Amino acid sequence: MSRDSYESPFSARYASEEMLNLFSPDTRYRTWRRLWVALARAERELGLPITEEQVGELEAHLTDIDYDLVAARENEVRHDVMAHVYAYGKAAPSAAGIIHLGATSCYVTDNADMIIYRDGLRHIRKQLVAVMKNLADFALKYKDLPTLGYTHYQPAQLVTVGKRASLWLGDFASDLEELDFTIGRLRLLGCRGTTGTEASFLDLFDGDGEKIDRMNEMISAAFGFDACFDVCGQTYPRKTDSAILNALSAIAQSAYKFANDLRLLQHDRQVEEPFEKNQIGSSAMAYKRNPMRCERICSLSRYLMADAANAAMTASTQWLERTLDDSANRRISMPEAFLGADAILRLVLNVTDGLVVNEKIIEKAVTAYLPFIATENLLMEGVKRGGDRQKLHEIIRQASMEATERMKEGKECDLIRTLSAHPEFGLSEEDMEKLLEPSLYTGRCAEQVERYVRKLAPILAEAEPVEKEITI
């Protein structure tokens, strides 16, 4: 690694080798050559004067790109695509005259981008399903464990640890739906000419539009696409980029919610992210266990959510059949979004694979607030025994406020003892203590978790091992 020039943190610290390779210059330019081969092969099969030997020579030189020659030529002609056409022609001299026949630069640039984005989204999908599998397993394991629920980050009614995890799972499941929808709508640009009219191919194929359609079908099929976009200008519609980044942003939103929740829980030591044996939490405070991974998830997620605005602005400002002010922005915003989503999901995978649940801490929090949570049941039971609902409510309100003040002074909660002293309830302290069983207050949490995970079973069955090791 060079120490004297800038390097993206995604390359140095965060993203996976698979995603880095996918967005590497080598993958991009080899894909250009594959597209030129697909075009030449389709044109040959549809009757243009291209020989099998020419196509074969192009195929033989898909990977041996002379980057020094490309750089020298681009410096001379100031055009990256034509520099690569020139270098490809030097490598395959018999085919030099038919490379890029009828095409415009966007044939290779836009189609290659779409192929790479499609493959990138598939990689992201694989990671997302693995995250969902981790969370589903965690939710099932702790579906019955009562924990204090929070609204407005204030103690509320009980839930279970597993039910809370099902909320995170549900967010990621909705992201998977959006991701699948986005992948399903991807199309190739095809070979459509300088303004999308296919005029150059009408000339090449002597006005035979069916051959043009067949050529684009053949090119699409060669790269695993069902079709090309129905209509386009010189480029594929830039709203496609916006749809892609919106899907990645949605994943970042869910990841942020999950990680932020965990940071709050780790503050109370209820649930924690993994912490290695020799890991240092703070350079000054040796005792600390900072939620470093979840903080990184939140940090990268903010970046990705903000990055998604680039595609929306680019899509909205494309002039007529095309303009070039999209190019420099897309070269940065699109790859970085994929690398960001990849890095985020690697972190989420790592965290969900090693979540630490401190059951005694959770039990302590539940016990501290259970008397307050049980007051509604105590109220109902008191009414059943002849009490006046309004009077009992006022007794509970006053006693609760007094008990809260005692707790703020560091004293133990004496709410049950206080309430049992009121004969209006008709309940002894022992009777009231019997109503302090946490499982009485978690409702259908366990059932909801089981039912939801069962619904997701076909998707979860797709989960396969993925890289989850991260740079600490």
Protein backbone atom coordinates (compact mmCIF):
# COMPACT_ATOMS: atom_id res chain seq x y z
CA MET A 1 0.00 0.00 0.00
CA SER A 2 1.34 3.40 -0.99
CA ARG A 3 1.94 5.76 1.93
CA ASP A 4 2.53 8.91 -0.10
CA SER A 5 -0.84 9.29 -1.86
CA TYR A 6 -4.51 9.26 -0.85
CA GLU A 7 -6.28 5.92 -0.66
CA SER A 8 -9.99 5.49 -0.08
CA PRO A 9 -10.76 4.09 3.39
CA PHE A 10 -13.10 1.65 1.67
CA SER A 11 -10.07 0.09 0.01
CA ALA A 12 -7.79 0.24 3.04
CA ARG A 13 -10.21 -0.67 5.85
CA TYR A 14 -13.83 -1.37 5.11
CA ALA A 15 -14.89 -3.07 1.89
CA SER A 16 -14.51 -6.74 0.94
CA GLU A 17 -12.05 -7.97 -1.66
CA GLU A 18 -14.97 -9.23 -3.75
CA MET A 19 -16.57 -5.80 -3.99
CA LEU A 20 -13.23 -4.07 -4.52
CA ASN A 21 -12.44 -6.44 -7.37
CA LEU A 22 -15.88 -5.92 -8.91
CA PHE A 23 -15.33 -2.16 -9.12
CA SER A 24 -11.67 -2.37 -10.12
CA PRO A 25 -10.44 -0.87 -13.39
CA ASP A 26 -9.51 -4.34 -14.58
CA THR A 27 -13.08 -5.64 -14.21
CA ARG A 28 -14.47 -2.55 -15.90
CA TYR A 29 -12.16 -2.67 -18.93
CA ARG A 30 -12.33 -6.42 -19.35
CA THR A 31 -16.10 -6.03 -19.39
CA TRP A 32 -15.71 -3.45 -22.15
CA ARG A 33 -13.82 -6.05 -24.19
CA ARG A 34 -16.49 -8.68 -23.51
CA LEU A 35 -19.08 -6.22 -24.78
CA TRP A 36 -17.09 -5.57 -27.94
CA VAL A 37 -16.88 -9.32 -28.51
CA ALA A 38 -20.63 -9.73 -27.95
CA LEU A 39 -21.33 -6.92 -30.43
CA ALA A 40 -19.01 -8.34 -33.06
CA ARG A 41 -20.43 -11.83 -32.66
CA ALA A 42 -24.02 -10.61 -32.95
CA GLU A 43 -23.18 -8.49 -35.99
CA ARG A 44 -21.44 -11.42 -37.63
CA GLU A 45 -24.36 -13.79 -37.02
CA LEU A 46 -26.75 -11.21 -38.43
CA GLY A 47 -24.84 -10.97 -41.68
CA LEU A 48 -22.29 -8.16 -41.41
CA PRO A 49 -18.86 -8.79 -42.99
CA ILE A 50 -17.11 -10.00 -39.83
CA THR A 51 -15.30 -13.33 -39.77
CA GLU A 52 -15.24 -15.98 -37.09
CA GLU A 53 -11.47 -15.58 -36.99
CA GLN A 54 -11.83 -11.91 -36.12
CA VAL A 55 -14.26 -12.68 -33.31
CA GLY A 56 -11.97 -15.46 -32.12
CA GLU A 57 -8.98 -13.14 -32.00
CA LEU A 58 -10.98 -10.63 -29.96
CA GLU A 59 -11.96 -13.39 -27.54
CA ALA A 60 -8.33 -14.45 -27.18
CA HIS A 61 -7.37 -11.00 -25.88
CA LEU A 62 -10.06 -10.28 -23.31
CA THR A 63 -7.69 -9.92 -20.37
CA ASP A 64 -4.26 -8.87 -21.66
CA ILE A 65 -4.86 -5.13 -21.56
CA ASP A 66 -1.79 -2.99 -22.19
CA TYR A 67 -2.54 -0.17 -19.76
CA ASP A 68 0.63 1.73 -20.62
CA LEU A 69 -0.43 1.83 -24.26
CA VAL A 70 -3.94 2.89 -23.25
CA ALA A 71 -2.60 5.73 -21.09
CA ALA A 72 -0.29 6.97 -23.83
CA ARG A 73 -3.05 6.91 -26.42
CA GLU A 74 -5.57 8.62 -24.11
CA ASN A 75 -3.03 11.35 -23.40
CA GLU A 76 -2.85 11.89 -27.14
CA VAL A 77 -6.54 11.70 -28.14
CA ARG A 78 -8.16 12.72 -24.82
CA HIS A 79 -10.77 9.96 -25.07
CA ASP A 80 -10.70 6.90 -22.82
CA VAL A 81 -12.95 4.63 -24.92
CA MET A 82 -11.08 5.29 -28.16
CA ALA A 83 -7.79 4.70 -26.34
CA HIS A 84 -9.03 1.26 -25.35
CA VAL A 85 -10.31 0.58 -28.87
CA TYR A 86 -6.84 1.42 -30.15
CA ALA A 87 -5.08 -0.84 -27.63
CA TYR A 88 -7.52 -3.69 -28.32
CA GLY A 89 -6.86 -3.34 -32.02
CA LYS A 90 -3.11 -3.59 -31.45
CA ALA A 91 -3.68 -6.81 -29.47
CA ALA A 92 -6.06 -8.23 -32.11
CA PRO A 93 -4.89 -6.66 -35.38
CA SER A 94 -7.07 -8.73 -37.70
CA ALA A 95 -10.16 -7.38 -35.89
CA ALA A 96 -8.97 -3.80 -35.41
CA GLY A 97 -11.23 -2.50 -38.15
CA ILE A 98 -14.48 -3.95 -36.81
CA ILE A 99 -14.14 -3.21 -33.07
CA HIS A 100 -16.93 -0.89 -31.86
CA LEU A 101 -18.69 -1.08 -35.25
CA GLY A 102 -21.80 1.13 -35.20
CA ALA A 103 -21.45 1.83 -31.49
CA THR A 104 -21.02 4.93 -29.40
CA SER A 105 -18.93 5.17 -26.24
CA CYS A 106 -21.96 4.56 -24.03
CA TYR A 107 -22.29 1.09 -25.52
CA VAL A 108 -19.35 -0.04 -23.41
CA THR A 109 -19.46 2.47 -20.55
CA ASP A 110 -23.17 2.19 -19.72
CA ASN A 111 -23.59 -1.50 -20.40
CA ALA A 112 -20.48 -2.32 -18.36
CA ASP A 113 -21.79 -0.21 -15.50
CA MET A 114 -25.12 -2.00 -15.58
CA ILE A 115 -23.43 -5.42 -15.56
CA ILE A 116 -21.22 -4.42 -12.63
CA TYR A 117 -24.12 -2.87 -10.71
CA ARG A 118 -26.21 -5.99 -11.26
CA ASP A 119 -23.44 -8.20 -9.94
CA GLY A 120 -22.85 -5.81 -7.04
CA LEU A 121 -26.52 -5.90 -6.05
CA ARG A 122 -26.44 -9.70 -6.12
CA HIS A 123 -23.46 -9.62 -3.76
CA ILE A 124 -25.30 -7.20 -1.46
CA ARG A 125 -28.35 -9.46 -1.57
CA LYS A 126 -26.30 -12.43 -0.43
CA GLN A 127 -24.98 -10.44 2.52
CA LEU A 128 -28.43 -9.14 3.39
CA VAL A 129 -29.96 -12.62 3.50
CA ALA A 130 -27.11 -13.75 5.76
CA VAL A 131 -27.83 -10.84 8.12
CA MET A 132 -31.49 -11.81 8.18
CA LYS A 133 -30.59 -15.41 9.00
CA ASN A 134 -28.43 -14.27 11.94
CA LEU A 135 -31.22 -12.07 13.29
CA ALA A 136 -33.86 -14.76 12.80
CA ASP A 137 -31.79 -17.28 14.76
CA PHE A 138 -31.21 -14.70 17.50
CA ALA A 139 -34.90 -13.77 17.64
CA LEU A 140 -35.96 -17.40 18.01
CA LYS A 141 -33.36 -18.06 20.70
CA TYR A 142 -34.58 -15.16 22.83
CA LYS A 143 -38.23 -15.09 21.86
CA ASP A 144 -39.32 -15.76 25.46
CA LEU A 145 -36.80 -13.62 27.36
CA PRO A 146 -38.69 -10.66 28.89
CA THR A 147 -37.01 -7.28 28.65
CA LEU A 148 -38.01 -3.75 29.34
CA GLY A 149 -39.62 -2.09 26.35
CA TYR A 150 -39.11 1.60 25.67
CA THR A 151 -41.15 4.31 24.00
CA HIS A 152 -39.55 7.76 23.72
CA TYR A 153 -36.58 5.93 25.32
CA GLN A 154 -38.60 5.84 28.52
CA PRO A 155 -39.46 2.56 30.28
CA ALA A 156 -42.72 1.16 28.89
CA GLN A 157 -44.39 -2.26 28.84
CA LEU A 158 -42.36 -5.46 28.60
CA VAL A 159 -41.39 -7.04 25.31
CA THR A 160 -38.92 -9.87 24.73
CA VAL A 161 -35.36 -9.70 23.45
CA GLY A 162 -36.40 -11.86 20.50
CA LYS A 163 -39.39 -9.67 19.64
CA ARG A 164 -37.17 -6.60 19.55
CA ALA A 165 -34.78 -8.44 17.22
CA SER A 166 -37.75 -9.27 14.96
CA LEU A 167 -38.22 -5.52 14.42
CA TRP A 168 -34.67 -5.26 13.11
CA LEU A 169 -35.29 -8.35 11.01
CA GLY A 170 -38.46 -6.81 9.60
CA ASP A 171 -36.61 -3.70 8.47
CA PHE A 172 -34.02 -5.75 6.61
CA ALA A 173 -36.75 -7.94 5.10
CA SER A 174 -38.40 -4.84 3.62
CA ASP A 175 -34.98 -3.86 2.22
CA LEU A 176 -34.72 -7.25 0.55
CA GLU A 177 -38.08 -6.71 -1.13
CA GLU A 178 -36.90 -3.36 -2.49
CA LEU A 179 -33.58 -4.84 -3.56
CA ASP A 180 -35.24 -7.70 -5.43
CA PHE A 181 -37.60 -5.24 -7.13
CA THR A 182 -34.65 -3.11 -8.19
CA ILE A 183 -32.65 -6.07 -9.51
CA GLY A 184 -35.70 -7.33 -11.39
CA ARG A 185 -36.06 -4.02 -13.24
CA LEU A 186 -32.47 -3.78 -14.45
CA ARG A 187 -31.97 -3.73 -18.19
CA LEU A 188 -29.02 -3.25 -20.53
CA LEU A 189 -28.70 -0.14 -22.65
CA GLY A 190 -27.88 -2.32 -25.64
CA CYS A 191 -26.35 -0.78 -28.74
CA ARG A 192 -28.61 2.18 -29.52
CA GLY A 193 -26.45 4.77 -31.25
CA THR A 194 -25.55 8.35 -30.49
CA THR A 195 -29.01 9.61 -29.50
CA GLY A 196 -30.79 6.32 -28.95
CA THR A 197 -32.29 6.18 -32.45
CA GLU A 198 -30.27 3.19 -33.71
CA ALA A 199 -29.77 5.12 -36.97
CA SER A 200 -26.23 3.78 -37.49
CA PHE A 201 -27.52 0.22 -37.36
CA LEU A 202 -30.32 0.93 -39.81
CA ASP A 203 -27.54 1.82 -42.21
CA LEU A 204 -25.43 -1.24 -41.33
CA PHE A 205 -28.38 -3.64 -41.64
CA ASP A 206 -29.87 -1.98 -44.75
CA GLY A 207 -32.96 -0.75 -42.92
CA ASP A 208 -33.80 -4.10 -41.28
CA GLY A 209 -35.11 -3.13 -37.84
CA GLU A 210 -35.74 -6.74 -36.86
CA LYS A 211 -32.02 -7.45 -37.09
CA ILE A 212 -31.33 -4.51 -34.77
CA ASP A 213 -33.78 -5.91 -32.23
CA ARG A 214 -32.24 -9.34 -32.58
CA MET A 215 -28.74 -7.91 -32.10
CA ASN A 216 -29.76 -6.25 -28.84
CA GLU A 217 -31.50 -9.43 -27.67
CA MET A 218 -28.32 -11.41 -28.34
CA ILE A 219 -26.15 -8.91 -26.47
CA SER A 220 -28.54 -8.87 -23.51
CA ALA A 221 -28.68 -12.66 -23.36
CA ALA A 222 -24.87 -12.89 -23.46
CA PHE A 223 -24.73 -11.05 -20.13
CA GLY A 224 -27.74 -12.63 -18.46
CA PHE A 225 -30.26 -9.82 -19.01
CA ASP A 226 -33.80 -10.37 -20.23
CA ALA A 227 -33.99 -7.22 -22.33
CA CYS A 228 -32.76 -3.72 -23.03
CA PHE A 229 -34.55 -0.58 -21.91
CA ASP A 230 -37.57 0.07 -24.11
CA VAL A 231 -36.55 3.64 -24.88
CA CYS A 232 -33.46 5.67 -24.10
CA GLY A 233 -31.29 8.49 -25.29
CA GLN A 234 -27.56 8.03 -25.64
CA THR A 235 -27.39 6.58 -22.11
CA TYR A 236 -29.59 4.30 -20.07
CA PRO A 237 -32.07 6.29 -17.95
CA ARG A 238 -30.20 7.79 -15.01
CA LYS A 239 -33.24 7.23 -12.82
CA THR A 240 -31.97 3.65 -12.71
CA ASP A 241 -28.96 4.85 -10.72
CA SER A 242 -31.33 6.65 -8.37
CA ALA A 243 -33.35 3.46 -7.85
CA ILE A 244 -30.16 1.51 -7.12
CA LEU A 245 -28.85 4.01 -4.59
CA ASN A 246 -32.27 4.28 -2.96
CA ALA A 247 -32.22 0.52 -2.39
CA LEU A 248 -28.73 0.72 -0.89
CA SER A 249 -29.74 3.72 1.21
CA ALA A 250 -32.69 1.74 2.58
CA ILE A 251 -30.27 -0.93 3.81
CA ALA A 252 -28.17 1.79 5.45
CA GLN A 253 -31.27 3.14 7.21
CA SER A 254 -32.07 -0.28 8.67
CA ALA A 255 -28.45 -0.88 9.64
CA TYR A 256 -28.31 2.49 11.39
CA LYS A 257 -31.51 1.72 13.34
CA PHE A 258 -30.16 -1.67 14.41
CA ALA A 259 -26.74 -0.34 15.41
CA ASN A 260 -28.13 2.70 17.18
CA ASP A 261 -30.52 0.53 19.19
CA LEU A 262 -27.62 -1.69 20.16
CA ARG A 263 -25.55 1.30 21.24
CA LEU A 264 -28.37 2.31 23.59
CA LEU A 265 -28.67 -1.24 24.93
CA GLN A 266 -24.92 -1.54 25.38
CA HIS A 267 -24.99 1.67 27.44
CA ASP A 268 -27.21 -0.22 29.90
CA ARG A 269 -25.15 -3.41 29.45
CA GLN A 270 -28.24 -5.36 28.43
CA VAL A 271 -27.07 -6.48 24.97
CA GLU A 272 -23.58 -5.88 23.60
CA GLU A 273 -21.67 -6.20 20.37
CA PRO A 274 -18.79 -8.71 20.26
CA PHE A 275 -15.60 -7.75 22.09
CA GLU A 276 -12.36 -9.64 21.50
CA LYS A 277 -10.21 -10.92 24.35
CA ASN A 278 -7.36 -8.49 23.63
CA GLN A 279 -9.44 -5.64 22.22
CA ILE A 280 -8.77 -2.17 23.66
CA GLY A 281 -11.84 -0.03 24.16
CA SER A 282 -10.08 3.25 24.96
CA SER A 283 -6.51 4.51 24.88
CA ALA A 284 -7.03 6.29 28.21
CA MET A 285 -9.79 4.38 29.99
CA ALA A 286 -8.69 0.77 30.04
CA TYR A 287 -11.97 -0.49 31.49
CA LYS A 288 -14.14 0.67 28.58
CA ARG A 289 -16.05 -1.48 26.08
CA ASN A 290 -17.08 1.06 23.48
CA PRO A 291 -19.57 -0.14 20.81
CA MET A 292 -16.99 0.57 18.12
CA ARG A 293 -18.50 -1.64 15.42
CA CYS A 294 -21.99 -0.26 15.81
CA GLU A 295 -20.60 3.27 15.82
CA ARG A 296 -18.86 2.47 12.55
CA ILE A 297 -22.09 1.07 11.11
CA CYS A 298 -23.86 4.32 11.98
CA SER A 299 -21.02 6.42 10.60
CA LEU A 300 -20.89 4.62 7.25
CA SER A 301 -24.68 4.49 7.03
CA ARG A 302 -24.90 8.26 7.29
CA TYR A 303 -22.43 8.51 4.42
CA LEU A 304 -24.41 6.11 2.23
CA MET A 305 -27.75 7.81 2.94
CA ALA A 306 -26.24 11.15 1.96
CA ASP A 307 -24.55 9.66 -1.12
CA ALA A 308 -27.93 8.55 -2.50
CA ALA A 309 -28.79 12.20 -3.15
CA ASN A 310 -26.14 12.28 -5.89
CA ALA A 311 -28.09 9.97 -8.18
CA ALA A 312 -31.34 11.89 -7.69
CA MET A 313 -29.67 15.17 -8.61
CA THR A 314 -27.92 13.62 -11.58
CA ALA A 315 -31.11 12.02 -12.91
CA SER A 316 -33.00 15.30 -12.65
CA THR A 317 -30.40 17.37 -14.51
CA GLN A 318 -29.76 15.28 -17.63
CA TRP A 319 -30.35 17.50 -20.66
CA LEU A 320 -32.48 16.08 -23.47
CA GLU A 321 -30.77 12.98 -25.00
CA ARG A 322 -27.74 13.30 -22.70
CA THR A 323 -25.12 15.53 -21.11
CA LEU A 324 -21.74 14.66 -19.65
CA ASP A 325 -22.07 16.29 -16.25
CA ASP A 326 -23.16 12.90 -14.90
CA SER A 327 -19.87 11.14 -15.63
CA ALA A 328 -17.46 12.44 -12.99
CA ASN A 329 -20.14 12.27 -10.29
CA ARG A 330 -21.14 8.72 -11.16
CA ARG A 331 -17.53 7.52 -11.20
CA ILE A 332 -17.39 8.39 -7.50
CA SER A 333 -20.91 8.14 -6.11
CA MET A 334 -21.95 4.81 -7.59
CA PRO A 335 -18.91 2.64 -6.69
CA GLU A 336 -18.57 4.29 -3.27
CA ALA A 337 -22.24 3.51 -2.53
CA PHE A 338 -21.71 -0.17 -3.31
CA LEU A 339 -18.51 -0.28 -1.28
CA GLY A 340 -20.31 1.49 1.56
CA ALA A 341 -23.23 -0.95 1.56
CA ASP A 342 -20.80 -3.86 1.43
CA ALA A 343 -18.81 -2.49 4.39
CA ILE A 344 -21.95 -1.83 6.42
CA LEU A 345 -23.34 -5.31 5.89
CA ARG A 346 -20.00 -6.94 6.70
CA LEU A 347 -20.08 -5.11 10.03
CA VAL A 348 -23.72 -6.02 10.69
CA LEU A 349 -22.90 -9.65 9.90
CA ASN A 350 -20.01 -9.57 12.33
CA VAL A 351 -22.09 -8.01 15.10
CA THR A 352 -25.18 -10.20 14.66
CA ASP A 353 -22.99 -13.29 14.61
CA GLY A 354 -21.70 -12.57 18.12
CA LEU A 355 -24.31 -10.59 20.06
CA VAL A 356 -23.87 -10.86 23.83
CA VAL A 357 -27.06 -10.95 25.93
CA ASN A 358 -26.55 -10.19 29.61
CA GLU A 359 -29.63 -11.88 31.05
CA LYS A 360 -28.99 -10.91 34.68
CA ILE A 361 -28.74 -7.22 33.77
CA ILE A 362 -31.95 -7.49 31.77
CA GLU A 363 -33.67 -9.29 34.65
CA LYS A 364 -32.58 -6.56 37.06
CA ALA A 365 -34.07 -3.84 34.85
CA VAL A 366 -37.30 -5.81 34.46
CA THR A 367 -37.56 -6.36 38.21
CA ALA A 368 -37.02 -2.67 38.94
CA TYR A 369 -39.88 -1.55 36.72
CA LEU A 370 -42.23 -4.52 36.91
CA PRO A 371 -44.24 -3.13 39.83
CA PHE A 372 -45.16 -0.11 37.70
CA ILE A 373 -45.88 -2.27 34.67
CA ALA A 374 -48.12 -4.52 36.78
CA THR A 375 -50.30 -1.68 38.05
CA GLU A 376 -52.85 -2.06 35.24
CA ASN A 377 -53.34 -5.71 36.16
CA LEU A 378 -53.51 -4.77 39.85
CA LEU A 379 -56.16 -2.22 38.98
CA MET A 380 -58.26 -4.78 37.13
CA GLU A 381 -57.86 -7.34 39.89
CA GLY A 382 -58.88 -4.77 42.52
CA VAL A 383 -62.03 -3.93 40.55
CA LYS A 384 -62.88 -7.63 40.32
CA ARG A 385 -62.74 -7.71 44.12
CA GLY A 386 -65.21 -4.86 44.47
CA GLY A 387 -62.97 -1.79 44.26
CA ASP A 388 -63.87 1.49 42.55
CA ARG A 389 -61.85 1.81 39.36
CA GLN A 390 -61.39 5.60 39.60
CA LYS A 391 -60.37 5.56 43.24
CA LEU A 392 -57.92 2.72 42.66
CA HIS A 393 -56.43 4.59 39.70
CA GLU A 394 -55.78 7.65 41.85
CA ILE A 395 -54.20 5.55 44.59
CA ILE A 396 -51.88 3.95 42.02
CA ARG A 397 -51.01 7.34 40.50
CA GLN A 398 -50.03 8.87 43.82
CA ALA A 399 -48.15 5.79 45.05
CA SER A 400 -46.27 5.53 41.74
CA MET A 401 -45.09 9.13 41.93
CA GLU A 402 -43.90 8.61 45.51
CA ALA A 403 -42.12 5.36 44.63
CA THR A 404 -40.39 7.06 41.70
CA GLU A 405 -39.11 9.81 43.97
CA ARG A 406 -37.71 7.20 46.37
CA MET A 407 -35.92 5.46 43.51
CA LYS A 408 -34.41 8.79 42.39
CA GLU A 409 -32.93 9.05 45.88
CA GLY A 410 -31.31 5.64 45.45
CA LYS A 411 -33.82 3.76 47.53
CA GLU A 412 -35.55 0.54 46.52
CA CYS A 413 -38.99 0.49 44.94
CA ASP A 414 -41.69 -0.03 47.58
CA LEU A 415 -44.74 0.36 45.32
CA ILE A 416 -46.22 -3.08 45.95
CA ARG A 417 -45.86 -2.74 49.71
CA THR A 418 -47.54 0.68 49.57
CA LEU A 419 -50.44 -0.47 47.39
CA SER A 420 -51.11 -3.61 49.42
CA ALA A 421 -51.59 -1.40 52.47
CA HIS A 422 -54.70 0.09 50.85
CA PRO A 423 -57.71 -2.09 51.74
CA GLU A 424 -59.58 -0.74 48.67
CA PHE A 425 -57.67 -3.27 46.52
CA GLY A 426 -58.68 -6.29 48.58
CA LEU A 427 -55.24 -7.76 47.80
CA SER A 428 -52.47 -8.73 50.18
CA GLU A 429 -48.83 -8.07 49.40
CA GLU A 430 -48.46 -11.78 48.65
CA ASP A 431 -51.43 -11.62 46.26
CA MET A 432 -49.84 -8.70 44.46
CA GLU A 433 -46.41 -10.38 44.28
CA LYS A 434 -48.02 -13.27 42.37
CA LEU A 435 -48.87 -10.81 39.61
CA LEU A 436 -45.20 -9.85 39.21
CA GLU A 437 -44.37 -12.70 36.83
CA PRO A 438 -42.70 -11.08 33.77
CA SER A 439 -44.12 -13.60 31.30
CA LEU A 440 -47.62 -12.29 32.11
CA TYR A 441 -46.72 -8.99 30.46
CA THR A 442 -45.02 -9.95 27.17
CA GLY A 443 -48.25 -10.63 25.31
CA ARG A 444 -47.83 -12.60 22.08
CA CYS A 445 -44.13 -11.77 21.61
CA ALA A 446 -42.95 -15.38 21.32
CA GLU A 447 -45.80 -16.29 18.99
CA GLN A 448 -45.17 -13.24 16.81
CA VAL A 449 -41.49 -14.12 16.47
CA GLU A 450 -42.17 -17.75 15.59
CA ARG A 451 -44.83 -16.84 13.06
CA TYR A 452 -42.68 -14.18 11.38
CA VAL A 453 -39.58 -16.34 11.13
CA ARG A 454 -41.70 -19.15 9.73
CA LYS A 455 -43.00 -16.75 7.06
CA LEU A 456 -39.43 -15.85 6.10
CA ALA A 457 -38.24 -19.47 6.06
CA PRO A 458 -37.98 -19.79 2.23
CA ILE A 459 -35.75 -16.70 2.07
CA LEU A 460 -33.68 -17.67 5.10
CA ALA A 461 -33.04 -21.07 3.52
CA GLU A 462 -31.06 -19.25 0.80
CA ALA A 463 -28.48 -18.03 3.33
CA GLU A 464 -24.95 -19.14 2.61
CA PRO A 465 -21.63 -18.46 4.34
CA VAL A 466 -20.28 -15.00 3.57
CA GLU A 467 -17.24 -13.04 4.70
CA LYS A 468 -17.84 -11.33 8.02
CA GLU A 469 -14.32 -10.67 9.26
CA ILE A 470 -13.61 -6.97 9.55
CA THR A 471 -10.69 -4.66 10.14
CA ILE A 472 -10.93 -3.58 13.79
